PDB file of N, CA and C in Angstrom:
ATOM      1  N   MET A   1     -35.755 103.601  54.259  1.00  0.00           N
ATOM      2  CA  MET A   1     -34.922 102.428  54.508  1.00  0.00           C
ATOM      3  C   MET A   1     -35.784 101.184  54.713  1.00  0.00           C
ATOM      4  N   LYS A   2     -36.894 101.364  55.459  1.00  0.00           N
ATOM      5  CA  LYS A   2     -37.780 100.245  55.722  1.00  0.00           C
ATOM      6  C   LYS A   2     -38.444  99.762  54.429  1.00  0.00           C
ATOM      7  N   LYS A   3     -38.821 100.686  53.546  1.00  0.00           N
ATOM      8  CA  LYS A   3     -39.438 100.324  52.276  1.00  0.00           C
ATOM      9  C   LYS A   3     -38.465  99.552  51.393  1.00  0.00           C
ATOM     10  N   LYS A   4     -37.196  99.985  51.388  1.00  0.00           N
ATOM     11  CA  LYS A   4     -36.192  99.287  50.591  1.00  0.00           C
ATOM     12  C   LYS A   4     -36.008  97.857  51.081  1.00  0.00           C
ATOM     13  N   PHE A   5     -35.995  97.711  52.408  1.00  0.00           N
ATOM     14  CA  PHE A   5     -35.821  96.380  52.996  1.00  0.00           C
ATOM     15  C   PHE A   5     -37.009  95.486  52.624  1.00  0.00           C
ATOM     16  N   LEU A   6     -38.230  96.034  52.718  1.00  0.00           N
ATOM     17  CA  LEU A   6     -39.418  95.254  52.364  1.00  0.00           C
ATOM     18  C   LEU A   6     -39.424  94.890  50.879  1.00  0.00           C
ATOM     19  N   LEU A   7     -39.019  95.806  50.026  1.00  0.00           N
ATOM     20  CA  LEU A   7     -38.912  95.505  48.598  1.00  0.00           C
ATOM     21  C   LEU A   7     -37.881  94.417  48.340  1.00  0.00           C
ATOM     22  N   PHE A   8     -36.777  94.495  49.071  1.00  0.00           N
ATOM     23  CA  PHE A   8     -35.726  93.478  48.943  1.00  0.00           C
ATOM     24  C   PHE A   8     -36.268  92.106  49.337  1.00  0.00           C
ATOM     25  N   LEU A   9     -36.993  92.038  50.464  1.00  0.00           N
ATOM     26  CA  LEU A   9     -37.567  90.760  50.904  1.00  0.00           C
ATOM     27  C   LEU A   9     -38.595  90.235  49.903  1.00  0.00           C
ATOM     28  N   LEU A  10     -39.420  91.120  49.387  1.00  0.00           N
ATOM     29  CA  LEU A  10     -40.407  90.727  48.398  1.00  0.00           C
ATOM     30  C   LEU A  10     -39.731  90.156  47.159  1.00  0.00           C
ATOM     31  N   HIS A  11     -38.663  90.801  46.740  1.00  0.00           N
ATOM     32  CA  HIS A  11     -37.904  90.352  45.576  1.00  0.00           C
ATOM     33  C   HIS A  11     -37.318  88.957  45.814  1.00  0.00           C
ATOM     34  N   ILE A  12     -36.768  88.728  46.981  1.00  0.00           N
ATOM     35  CA  ILE A  12     -36.190  87.420  47.334  1.00  0.00           C
ATOM     36  C   ILE A  12     -37.275  86.343  47.315  1.00  0.00           C
ATOM     37  N   PHE A  13     -38.437  86.639  47.921  1.00  0.00           N
ATOM     38  CA  PHE A  13     -39.525  85.666  47.946  1.00  0.00           C
ATOM     39  C   PHE A  13     -40.028  85.344  46.541  1.00  0.00           C
ATOM     40  N   LEU A  14     -40.089  86.324  45.669  1.00  0.00           N
ATOM     41  CA  LEU A  14     -40.510  86.091  44.295  1.00  0.00           C
ATOM     42  C   LEU A  14     -39.527  85.199  43.553  1.00  0.00           C
ATOM     43  N   ILE A  15     -38.254  85.430  43.751  1.00  0.00           N
ATOM     44  CA  ILE A  15     -37.230  84.607  43.093  1.00  0.00           C
ATOM     45  C   ILE A  15     -37.309  83.167  43.582  1.00  0.00           C
ATOM     46  N   ILE A  16     -37.423  83.000  44.888  1.00  0.00           N
ATOM     47  CA  ILE A  16     -37.513  81.650  45.456  1.00  0.00           C
ATOM     48  C   ILE A  16     -38.783  80.965  44.970  1.00  0.00           C
ATOM     49  N   GLY A  17     -39.894  81.680  44.980  1.00  0.00           N
ATOM     50  CA  GLY A  17     -41.167  81.112  44.546  1.00  0.00           C
ATOM     51  C   GLY A  17     -41.134  80.680  43.103  1.00  0.00           C
ATOM     52  N   CYS A  18     -40.570  81.484  42.237  1.00  0.00           N
ATOM     53  CA  CYS A  18     -40.514  81.140  40.807  1.00  0.00           C
ATOM     54  C   CYS A  18     -39.592  79.957  40.558  1.00  0.00           C
ATOM     55  N   SER A  19     -38.497  79.879  41.255  1.00  0.00           N
ATOM     56  CA  SER A  19     -37.570  78.773  41.015  1.00  0.00           C
ATOM     57  C   SER A  19     -38.126  77.459  41.526  1.00  0.00           C
ATOM     58  N   THR A  20     -38.872  77.476  42.622  1.00  0.00           N
ATOM     59  CA  THR A  20     -39.427  76.224  43.123  1.00  0.00           C
ATOM     60  C   THR A  20     -40.624  75.786  42.307  1.00  0.00           C
ATOM     61  N   MET A  21     -41.358  76.695  41.670  1.00  0.00           N
ATOM     62  CA  MET A  21     -42.486  76.306  40.841  1.00  0.00           C
ATOM     63  C   MET A  21     -42.030  75.455  39.671  1.00  0.00           C
ATOM     64  N   ASN A  22     -40.870  75.733  39.126  1.00  0.00           N
ATOM     65  CA  ASN A  22     -40.376  74.987  37.972  1.00  0.00           C
ATOM     66  C   ASN A  22     -39.960  73.574  38.341  1.00  0.00           C
ATOM     67  N   ASP A  23     -39.620  73.320  39.601  1.00  0.00           N
ATOM     68  CA  ASP A  23     -39.132  72.019  40.020  1.00  0.00           C
ATOM     69  C   ASP A  23     -40.175  71.174  40.744  1.00  0.00           C
ATOM     70  N   THR A  24     -41.412  71.671  40.882  1.00  0.00           N
ATOM     71  CA  THR A  24     -42.402  70.919  41.641  1.00  0.00           C
ATOM     72  C   THR A  24     -42.729  69.582  41.003  1.00  0.00           C
ATOM     73  N   TYR A  25     -42.637  69.468  39.694  1.00  0.00           N
ATOM     74  CA  TYR A  25     -42.931  68.179  39.060  1.00  0.00           C
ATOM     75  C   TYR A  25     -41.941  67.110  39.513  1.00  0.00           C
ATOM     76  N   GLN A  26     -40.713  67.492  39.865  1.00  0.00           N
ATOM     77  CA  GLN A  26     -39.711  66.509  40.289  1.00  0.00           C
ATOM     78  C   GLN A  26     -40.096  65.851  41.607  1.00  0.00           C
ATOM     79  N   ASN A  27     -40.891  66.522  42.425  1.00  0.00           N
ATOM     80  CA  ASN A  27     -41.349  65.930  43.681  1.00  0.00           C
ATOM     81  C   ASN A  27     -42.325  64.780  43.438  1.00  0.00           C
ATOM     82  N   LYS A  28     -42.868  64.696  42.240  1.00  0.00           N
ATOM     83  CA  LYS A  28     -43.812  63.631  41.900  1.00  0.00           C
ATOM     84  C   LYS A  28     -43.102  62.372  41.414  1.00  0.00           C
ATOM     85  N   LEU A  29     -41.803  62.442  41.175  1.00  0.00           N
ATOM     86  CA  LEU A  29     -41.051  61.325  40.606  1.00  0.00           C
ATOM     87  C   LEU A  29     -40.365  60.513  41.697  1.00  0.00           C
ATOM     88  N   ASP A  30     -40.417  59.176  41.577  1.00  0.00           N
ATOM     89  CA  ASP A  30     -39.645  58.365  42.509  1.00  0.00           C
ATOM     90  C   ASP A  30     -38.158  58.496  42.176  1.00  0.00           C
ATOM     91  N   HIS A  31     -37.318  58.040  43.060  1.00  0.00           N
ATOM     92  CA  HIS A  31     -35.868  58.226  42.921  1.00  0.00           C
ATOM     93  C   HIS A  31     -35.337  57.644  41.612  1.00  0.00           C
ATOM     94  N   ASN A  32     -35.733  56.402  41.281  1.00  0.00           N
ATOM     95  CA  ASN A  32     -35.205  55.749  40.074  1.00  0.00           C
ATOM     96  C   ASN A  32     -35.603  56.485  38.798  1.00  0.00           C
ATOM     97  N   LEU A  33     -36.846  56.921  38.726  1.00  0.00           N
ATOM     98  CA  LEU A  33     -37.303  57.640  37.539  1.00  0.00           C
ATOM     99  C   LEU A  33     -36.654  59.014  37.462  1.00  0.00           C
ATOM    100  N   ASN A  34     -36.526  59.673  38.591  1.00  0.00           N
ATOM    101  CA  ASN A  34     -35.878  60.985  38.620  1.00  0.00           C
ATOM    102  C   ASN A  34     -34.424  60.892  38.159  1.00  0.00           C
ATOM    103  N   MET A  35     -33.724  59.866  38.589  1.00  0.00           N
ATOM    104  CA  MET A  35     -32.321  59.678  38.180  1.00  0.00           C
ATOM    105  C   MET A  35     -32.230  59.454  36.667  1.00  0.00           C
ATOM    106  N   GLU A  36     -33.123  58.641  36.132  1.00  0.00           N
ATOM    107  CA  GLU A  36     -33.091  58.360  34.694  1.00  0.00           C
ATOM    108  C   GLU A  36     -33.413  59.613  33.874  1.00  0.00           C
ATOM    109  N   LEU A  37     -34.377  60.387  34.324  1.00  0.00           N
ATOM    110  CA  LEU A  37     -34.772  61.580  33.585  1.00  0.00           C
ATOM    111  C   LEU A  37     -33.743  62.696  33.691  1.00  0.00           C
ATOM    112  N   SER A  38     -32.998  62.731  34.780  1.00  0.00           N
ATOM    113  CA  SER A  38     -32.012  63.802  34.959  1.00  0.00           C
ATOM    114  C   SER A  38     -30.641  63.453  34.383  1.00  0.00           C
ATOM    115  N   ASP A  39     -30.491  62.257  33.824  1.00  0.00           N
ATOM    116  CA  ASP A  39     -29.228  61.841  33.208  1.00  0.00           C
ATOM    117  C   ASP A  39     -28.979  62.693  31.958  1.00  0.00           C
ATOM    118  N   GLU A  40     -27.970  63.530  32.004  1.00  0.00           N
ATOM    119  CA  GLU A  40     -27.679  64.464  30.899  1.00  0.00           C
ATOM    120  C   GLU A  40     -27.284  63.745  29.613  1.00  0.00           C
ATOM    121  N   SER A  41     -26.727  62.547  29.708  1.00  0.00           N
ATOM    122  CA  SER A  41     -26.319  61.837  28.492  1.00  0.00           C
ATOM    123  C   SER A  41     -27.535  61.365  27.688  1.00  0.00           C
ATOM    124  N   ASN A  42     -28.691  61.251  28.336  1.00  0.00           N
ATOM    125  CA  ASN A  42     -29.915  60.820  27.660  1.00  0.00           C
ATOM    126  C   ASN A  42     -30.897  61.974  27.448  1.00  0.00           C
ATOM    127  N   LYS A  43     -30.411  63.200  27.567  1.00  0.00           N
ATOM    128  CA  LYS A  43     -31.279  64.375  27.537  1.00  0.00           C
ATOM    129  C   LYS A  43     -32.166  64.432  26.294  1.00  0.00           C
ATOM    130  N   ASP A  44     -31.635  64.124  25.131  1.00  0.00           N
ATOM    131  CA  ASP A  44     -32.398  64.190  23.888  1.00  0.00           C
ATOM    132  C   ASP A  44     -32.821  62.814  23.388  1.00  0.00           C
ATOM    133  N   SER A  45     -32.716  61.815  24.251  1.00  0.00           N
ATOM    134  CA  SER A  45     -33.034  60.444  23.857  1.00  0.00           C
ATOM    135  C   SER A  45     -34.533  60.271  23.622  1.00  0.00           C
ATOM    136  N   GLU A  46     -34.868  59.465  22.649  1.00  0.00           N
ATOM    137  CA  GLU A  46     -36.257  59.124  22.357  1.00  0.00           C
ATOM    138  C   GLU A  46     -36.576  57.717  22.868  1.00  0.00           C
ATOM    139  N   GLU A  47     -35.725  57.204  23.762  1.00  0.00           N
ATOM    140  CA  GLU A  47     -35.937  55.878  24.337  1.00  0.00           C
ATOM    141  C   GLU A  47     -37.264  55.856  25.096  1.00  0.00           C
ATOM    142  N   ILE A  48     -38.003  54.762  24.947  1.00  0.00           N
ATOM    143  CA  ILE A  48     -39.286  54.608  25.629  1.00  0.00           C
ATOM    144  C   ILE A  48     -39.038  54.047  27.033  1.00  0.00           C
ATOM    145  N   ILE A  49     -39.622  54.703  28.014  1.00  0.00           N
ATOM    146  CA  ILE A  49     -39.480  54.311  29.421  1.00  0.00           C
ATOM    147  C   ILE A  49     -40.856  53.905  29.931  1.00  0.00           C
ATOM    148  N   ARG A  50     -40.940  52.752  30.580  1.00  0.00           N
ATOM    149  CA  ARG A  50     -42.206  52.293  31.169  1.00  0.00           C
ATOM    150  C   ARG A  50     -42.302  52.817  32.589  1.00  0.00           C
ATOM    151  N   PHE A  51     -43.505  53.257  32.966  1.00  0.00           N
ATOM    152  CA  PHE A  51     -43.698  53.809  34.303  1.00  0.00           C
ATOM    153  C   PHE A  51     -45.121  53.590  34.788  1.00  0.00           C
ATOM    154  N   VAL A  52     -45.311  53.805  36.085  1.00  0.00           N
ATOM    155  CA  VAL A  52     -46.612  53.688  36.741  1.00  0.00           C
ATOM    156  C   VAL A  52     -46.957  55.053  37.296  1.00  0.00           C
ATOM    157  N   GLY A  53     -48.210  55.468  37.140  1.00  0.00           N
ATOM    158  CA  GLY A  53     -48.637  56.762  37.642  1.00  0.00           C
ATOM    159  C   GLY A  53     -49.825  56.649  38.559  1.00  0.00           C
ATOM    160  N   LYS A  54     -49.947  57.630  39.450  1.00  0.00           N
ATOM    161  CA  LYS A  54     -51.084  57.708  40.365  1.00  0.00           C
ATOM    162  C   LYS A  54     -51.669  59.096  40.263  1.00  0.00           C
ATOM    163  N   CYS A  55     -52.998  59.171  40.222  1.00  0.00           N
ATOM    164  CA  CYS A  55     -53.701  60.448  40.121  1.00  0.00           C
ATOM    165  C   CYS A  55     -54.442  60.757  41.417  1.00  0.00           C
ATOM    166  N   LYS A  56     -54.855  62.009  41.567  1.00  0.00           N
ATOM    167  CA  LYS A  56     -55.590  62.442  42.769  1.00  0.00           C
ATOM    168  C   LYS A  56     -56.894  61.681  42.928  1.00  0.00           C
ATOM    169  N   ASN A  57     -57.592  61.480  41.828  1.00  0.00           N
ATOM    170  CA  ASN A  57     -58.907  60.840  41.834  1.00  0.00           C
ATOM    171  C   ASN A  57     -58.921  59.703  40.829  1.00  0.00           C
ATOM    172  N   GLU A  58     -60.036  58.984  40.795  1.00  0.00           N
ATOM    173  CA  GLU A  58     -60.198  57.927  39.807  1.00  0.00           C
ATOM    174  C   GLU A  58     -60.065  58.529  38.407  1.00  0.00           C
ATOM    175  N   ILE A  59     -59.363  57.830  37.542  1.00  0.00           N
ATOM    176  CA  ILE A  59     -59.042  58.351  36.210  1.00  0.00           C
ATOM    177  C   ILE A  59     -60.291  58.301  35.319  1.00  0.00           C
ATOM    178  N   THR A  60     -60.655  59.456  34.811  1.00  0.00           N
ATOM    179  CA  THR A  60     -61.801  59.575  33.907  1.00  0.00           C
ATOM    180  C   THR A  60     -61.292  59.537  32.467  1.00  0.00           C
ATOM    181  N   ALA A  61     -62.231  59.482  31.536  1.00  0.00           N
ATOM    182  CA  ALA A  61     -61.869  59.500  30.108  1.00  0.00           C
ATOM    183  C   ALA A  61     -61.164  60.813  29.759  1.00  0.00           C
ATOM    184  N   ASP A  62     -61.606  61.921  30.364  1.00  0.00           N
ATOM    185  CA  ASP A  62     -60.966  63.215  30.104  1.00  0.00           C
ATOM    186  C   ASP A  62     -59.535  63.253  30.626  1.00  0.00           C
ATOM    187  N   MET A  63     -59.312  62.701  31.831  1.00  0.00           N
ATOM    188  CA  MET A  63     -57.959  62.667  32.389  1.00  0.00           C
ATOM    189  C   MET A  63     -57.051  61.803  31.528  1.00  0.00           C
ATOM    190  N   ARG A  64     -57.575  60.663  31.090  1.00  0.00           N
ATOM    191  CA  ARG A  64     -56.790  59.767  30.231  1.00  0.00           C
ATOM    192  C   ARG A  64     -56.432  60.467  28.924  1.00  0.00           C
ATOM    193  N   ALA A  65     -57.398  61.178  28.338  1.00  0.00           N
ATOM    194  CA  ALA A  65     -57.149  61.900  27.093  1.00  0.00           C
ATOM    195  C   ALA A  65     -56.102  62.994  27.292  1.00  0.00           C
ATOM    196  N   GLU A  66     -56.136  63.678  28.440  1.00  0.00           N
ATOM    197  CA  GLU A  66     -55.149  64.729  28.723  1.00  0.00           C
ATOM    198  C   GLU A  66     -53.741  64.148  28.787  1.00  0.00           C
ATOM    199  N   ILE A  67     -53.602  62.998  29.408  1.00  0.00           N
ATOM    200  CA  ILE A  67     -52.287  62.344  29.516  1.00  0.00           C
ATOM    201  C   ILE A  67     -51.830  61.850  28.146  1.00  0.00           C
ATOM    202  N   GLU A  68     -52.729  61.231  27.406  1.00  0.00           N
ATOM    203  CA  GLU A  68     -52.370  60.698  26.091  1.00  0.00           C
ATOM    204  C   GLU A  68     -52.094  61.805  25.078  1.00  0.00           C
ATOM    205  N   GLN A  69     -52.670  62.973  25.286  1.00  0.00           N
ATOM    206  CA  GLN A  69     -52.472  64.091  24.363  1.00  0.00           C
ATOM    207  C   GLN A  69     -51.006  64.535  24.304  1.00  0.00           C
ATOM    208  N   ILE A  70     -50.267  64.332  25.386  1.00  0.00           N
ATOM    209  CA  ILE A  70     -48.854  64.727  25.384  1.00  0.00           C
ATOM    210  C   ILE A  70     -47.960  63.654  24.769  1.00  0.00           C
ATOM    211  N   GLY A  71     -48.573  62.525  24.349  1.00  0.00           N
ATOM    212  CA  GLY A  71     -47.812  61.483  23.673  1.00  0.00           C
ATOM    213  C   GLY A  71     -47.558  60.243  24.504  1.00  0.00           C
ATOM    214  N   VAL A  72     -47.940  60.260  25.770  1.00  0.00           N
ATOM    215  CA  VAL A  72     -47.763  59.095  26.639  1.00  0.00           C
ATOM    216  C   VAL A  72     -48.758  58.014  26.202  1.00  0.00           C
ATOM    217  N   SER A  73     -48.293  56.784  26.164  1.00  0.00           N
ATOM    218  CA  SER A  73     -49.144  55.653  25.806  1.00  0.00           C
ATOM    219  C   SER A  73     -49.601  54.953  27.086  1.00  0.00           C
ATOM    220  N   ILE A  74     -50.882  55.058  27.400  1.00  0.00           N
ATOM    221  CA  ILE A  74     -51.423  54.407  28.597  1.00  0.00           C
ATOM    222  C   ILE A  74     -51.770  52.963  28.247  1.00  0.00           C
ATOM    223  N   GLU A  75     -51.251  52.046  29.045  1.00  0.00           N
ATOM    224  CA  GLU A  75     -51.465  50.624  28.784  1.00  0.00           C
ATOM    225  C   GLU A  75     -52.622  50.055  29.587  1.00  0.00           C
ATOM    226  N   SER A  76     -52.757  50.466  30.854  1.00  0.00           N
ATOM    227  CA  SER A  76     -53.870  49.986  31.677  1.00  0.00           C
ATOM    228  C   SER A  76     -54.221  51.025  32.734  1.00  0.00           C
ATOM    229  N   VAL A  77     -55.473  50.965  33.187  1.00  0.00           N
ATOM    230  CA  VAL A  77     -55.967  51.870  34.220  1.00  0.00           C
ATOM    231  C   VAL A  77     -56.758  51.059  35.225  1.00  0.00           C
ATOM    232  N   ILE A  78     -56.448  51.248  36.504  1.00  0.00           N
ATOM    233  CA  ILE A  78     -57.226  50.654  37.590  1.00  0.00           C
ATOM    234  C   ILE A  78     -57.473  51.766  38.600  1.00  0.00           C
ATOM    235  N   LYS A  79     -58.702  52.253  38.633  1.00  0.00           N
ATOM    236  CA  LYS A  79     -59.132  53.353  39.497  1.00  0.00           C
ATOM    237  C   LYS A  79     -58.256  54.580  39.300  1.00  0.00           C
ATOM    238  N   ASP A  80     -57.348  54.887  40.251  1.00  0.00           N
ATOM    239  CA  ASP A  80     -56.519  56.096  40.161  1.00  0.00           C
ATOM    240  C   ASP A  80     -55.073  55.796  39.760  1.00  0.00           C
ATOM    241  N   ILE A  81     -54.804  54.565  39.342  1.00  0.00           N
ATOM    242  CA  ILE A  81     -53.440  54.154  38.977  1.00  0.00           C
ATOM    243  C   ILE A  81     -53.423  53.742  37.505  1.00  0.00           C
ATOM    244  N   PHE A  82     -52.344  54.111  36.804  1.00  0.00           N
ATOM    245  CA  PHE A  82     -52.209  53.722  35.397  1.00  0.00           C
ATOM    246  C   PHE A  82     -50.785  53.267  35.123  1.00  0.00           C
ATOM    247  N   THR A  83     -50.645  52.364  34.158  1.00  0.00           N
ATOM    248  CA  THR A  83     -49.340  51.984  33.656  1.00  0.00           C
ATOM    249  C   THR A  83     -49.205  52.601  32.281  1.00  0.00           C
ATOM    250  N   ALA A  84     -48.007  53.056  31.973  1.00  0.00           N
ATOM    251  CA  ALA A  84     -47.822  53.770  30.713  1.00  0.00           C
ATOM    252  C   ALA A  84     -46.376  53.697  30.265  1.00  0.00           C
ATOM    253  N   SER A  85     -46.135  54.264  29.083  1.00  0.00           N
ATOM    254  CA  SER A  85     -44.776  54.384  28.567  1.00  0.00           C
ATOM    255  C   SER A  85     -44.684  55.677  27.779  1.00  0.00           C
ATOM    256  N   GLY A  86     -43.479  56.222  27.762  1.00  0.00           N
ATOM    257  CA  GLY A  86     -43.258  57.457  27.034  1.00  0.00           C
ATOM    258  C   GLY A  86     -41.794  57.833  27.035  1.00  0.00           C
ATOM    259  N   THR A  87     -41.474  58.861  26.288  1.00  0.00           N
ATOM    260  CA  THR A  87     -40.099  59.352  26.238  1.00  0.00           C
ATOM    261  C   THR A  87     -39.835  60.220  27.467  1.00  0.00           C
ATOM    262  N   ARG A  88     -38.594  60.585  27.633  1.00  0.00           N
ATOM    263  CA  ARG A  88     -38.186  61.439  28.752  1.00  0.00           C
ATOM    264  C   ARG A  88     -39.018  62.719  28.789  1.00  0.00           C
ATOM    265  N   LYS A  89     -39.129  63.394  27.658  1.00  0.00           N
ATOM    266  CA  LYS A  89     -39.881  64.658  27.589  1.00  0.00           C
ATOM    267  C   LYS A  89     -41.358  64.451  27.889  1.00  0.00           C
ATOM    268  N   GLN A  90     -41.930  63.362  27.402  1.00  0.00           N
ATOM    269  CA  GLN A  90     -43.340  63.085  27.642  1.00  0.00           C
ATOM    270  C   GLN A  90     -43.614  62.813  29.122  1.00  0.00           C
ATOM    271  N   ILE A  91     -42.697  62.100  29.776  1.00  0.00           N
ATOM    272  CA  ILE A  91     -42.868  61.796  31.198  1.00  0.00           C
ATOM    273  C   ILE A  91     -42.779  63.075  32.022  1.00  0.00           C
ATOM    274  N   ILE A  92     -41.867  63.960  31.679  1.00  0.00           N
ATOM    275  CA  ILE A  92     -41.760  65.237  32.383  1.00  0.00           C
ATOM    276  C   ILE A  92     -43.046  66.033  32.219  1.00  0.00           C
ATOM    277  N   GLU A  93     -43.597  66.067  31.009  1.00  0.00           N
ATOM    278  CA  GLU A  93     -44.860  66.770  30.774  1.00  0.00           C
ATOM    279  C   GLU A  93     -45.999  66.109  31.552  1.00  0.00           C
ATOM    280  N   CYS A  94     -45.986  64.794  31.639  1.00  0.00           N
ATOM    281  CA  CYS A  94     -47.005  64.072  32.396  1.00  0.00           C
ATOM    282  C   CYS A  94     -46.929  64.449  33.882  1.00  0.00           C
ATOM    283  N   ALA A  95     -45.723  64.571  34.403  1.00  0.00           N
ATOM    284  CA  ALA A  95     -45.545  64.935  35.814  1.00  0.00           C
ATOM    285  C   ALA A  95     -46.037  66.351  36.096  1.00  0.00           C
ATOM    286  N   LYS A  96     -46.078  67.185  35.091  1.00  0.00           N
ATOM    287  CA  LYS A  96     -46.536  68.565  35.270  1.00  0.00           C
ATOM    288  C   LYS A  96     -48.061  68.688  35.286  1.00  0.00           C
ATOM    289  N   ILE A  97     -48.768  67.626  34.920  1.00  0.00           N
ATOM    290  CA  ILE A  97     -50.234  67.647  34.941  1.00  0.00           C
ATOM    291  C   ILE A  97     -50.701  67.662  36.393  1.00  0.00           C
ATOM    292  N   GLU A  98     -51.599  68.563  36.704  1.00  0.00           N
ATOM    293  CA  GLU A  98     -52.026  68.774  38.089  1.00  0.00           C
ATOM    294  C   GLU A  98     -52.651  67.539  38.725  1.00  0.00           C
ATOM    295  N   SER A  99     -53.439  66.778  37.972  1.00  0.00           N
ATOM    296  CA  SER A  99     -54.123  65.617  38.540  1.00  0.00           C
ATOM    297  C   SER A  99     -53.185  64.437  38.806  1.00  0.00           C
ATOM    298  N   VAL A 100     -52.006  64.442  38.211  1.00  0.00           N
ATOM    299  CA  VAL A 100     -51.017  63.381  38.441  1.00  0.00           C
ATOM    300  C   VAL A 100     -50.245  63.720  39.717  1.00  0.00           C
ATOM    301  N   ILE A 101     -50.225  62.769  40.670  1.00  0.00           N
ATOM    302  CA  ILE A 101     -49.548  63.061  41.936  1.00  0.00           C
ATOM    303  C   ILE A 101     -48.273  62.248  42.154  1.00  0.00           C
ATOM    304  N   ARG A 102     -48.078  61.163  41.392  1.00  0.00           N
ATOM    305  CA  ARG A 102     -46.885  60.331  41.584  1.00  0.00           C
ATOM    306  C   ARG A 102     -46.576  59.547  40.323  1.00  0.00           C
ATOM    307  N   LEU A 103     -45.290  59.476  39.963  1.00  0.00           N
ATOM    308  CA  LEU A 103     -44.825  58.645  38.858  1.00  0.00           C
ATOM    309  C   LEU A 103     -43.654  57.809  39.349  1.00  0.00           C
ATOM    310  N   GLU A 104     -43.668  56.534  39.029  1.00  0.00           N
ATOM    311  CA  GLU A 104     -42.590  55.629  39.428  1.00  0.00           C
ATOM    312  C   GLU A 104     -42.144  54.813  38.229  1.00  0.00           C
ATOM    313  N   LYS A 105     -40.861  54.512  38.172  1.00  0.00           N
ATOM    314  CA  LYS A 105     -40.334  53.683  37.091  1.00  0.00           C
ATOM    315  C   LYS A 105     -40.823  52.251  37.291  1.00  0.00           C
ATOM    316  N   SER A 106     -41.272  51.632  36.210  1.00  0.00           N
ATOM    317  CA  SER A 106     -41.742  50.242  36.281  1.00  0.00           C
ATOM    318  C   SER A 106     -40.578  49.321  36.621  1.00  0.00           C
ATOM    319  N   GLN A 107     -40.881  48.338  37.415  1.00  0.00           N
ATOM    320  CA  GLN A 107     -39.884  47.350  37.802  1.00  0.00           C
ATOM    321  C   GLN A 107     -40.229  46.026  37.134  1.00  0.00           C
ATOM    322  N   THR A 108     -39.239  45.367  36.561  1.00  0.00           N
ATOM    323  CA  THR A 108     -39.442  44.050  35.970  1.00  0.00           C
ATOM    324  C   THR A 108     -39.131  43.004  37.025  1.00  0.00           C
ATOM    325  N   ILE A 109     -40.114  42.173  37.290  1.00  0.00           N
ATOM    326  CA  ILE A 109     -39.946  41.127  38.300  1.00  0.00           C
ATOM    327  C   ILE A 109     -39.836  39.782  37.578  1.00  0.00           C
ATOM    328  N   PRO A 110     -38.726  39.068  37.791  1.00  0.00           N
ATOM    329  CA  PRO A 110     -38.574  37.797  37.105  1.00  0.00           C
ATOM    330  C   PRO A 110     -39.604  36.791  37.629  1.00  0.00           C
ATOM    331  N   PRO A 111     -40.004  35.836  36.802  1.00  0.00           N
ATOM    332  CA  PRO A 111     -40.993  34.833  37.246  1.00  0.00           C
ATOM    333  C   PRO A 111     -40.403  33.956  38.348  1.00  0.00           C
ATOM    334  N   LEU A 112     -41.298  33.478  39.199  1.00  0.00           N
ATOM    335  CA  LEU A 112     -40.870  32.577  40.263  1.00  0.00           C
ATOM    336  C   LEU A 112     -40.486  31.223  39.681  1.00  0.00           C
ATOM    337  N   ASN A 113     -39.471  30.600  40.242  1.00  0.00           N
ATOM    338  CA  ASN A 113     -39.054  29.279  39.816  1.00  0.00           C
ATOM    339  C   ASN A 113     -39.855  28.268  40.614  1.00  0.00           C
ATOM    340  N   ASN A 114     -40.770  27.573  39.958  1.00  0.00           N
ATOM    341  CA  ASN A 114     -41.652  26.617  40.649  1.00  0.00           C
ATOM    342  C   ASN A 114     -41.126  25.196  40.600  1.00  0.00           C
ATOM    343  N   ALA A 115     -39.846  25.002  40.378  1.00  0.00           N
ATOM    344  CA  ALA A 115     -39.275  23.658  40.322  1.00  0.00           C
ATOM    345  C   ALA A 115     -39.148  23.134  41.750  1.00  0.00           C
ATOM    346  N   ASN A 116     -40.016  22.184  42.102  1.00  0.00           N
ATOM    347  CA  ASN A 116     -39.966  21.582  43.467  1.00  0.00           C
ATOM    348  C   ASN A 116     -39.509  20.164  43.391  1.00  0.00           C
TER     349      ASN A 116
END
């Protein structure tokens, strides 16, 4: 009886562990980007989305190549932060890269009105 119970617990932990592994990339997405990527009406959309990413360490040429290999277009890099654009699928793949720790949707800020 004790062995069955332990097997049952092990089975539960394995199921929970496997299901959370698939969703860990979503923890790297800010709310706005996560909402846009999870929109079912745009699931197969090839629309280009601009975003900002942060990596664990300063971005090297190898890290940049790894990100660009999935189809993401990197526009600029400053130390461990990059600006980029890509499709929904490309952004999800980018979030799954281990060195990437955060992705946020780019915000457009209107110019200041300097009329004095």
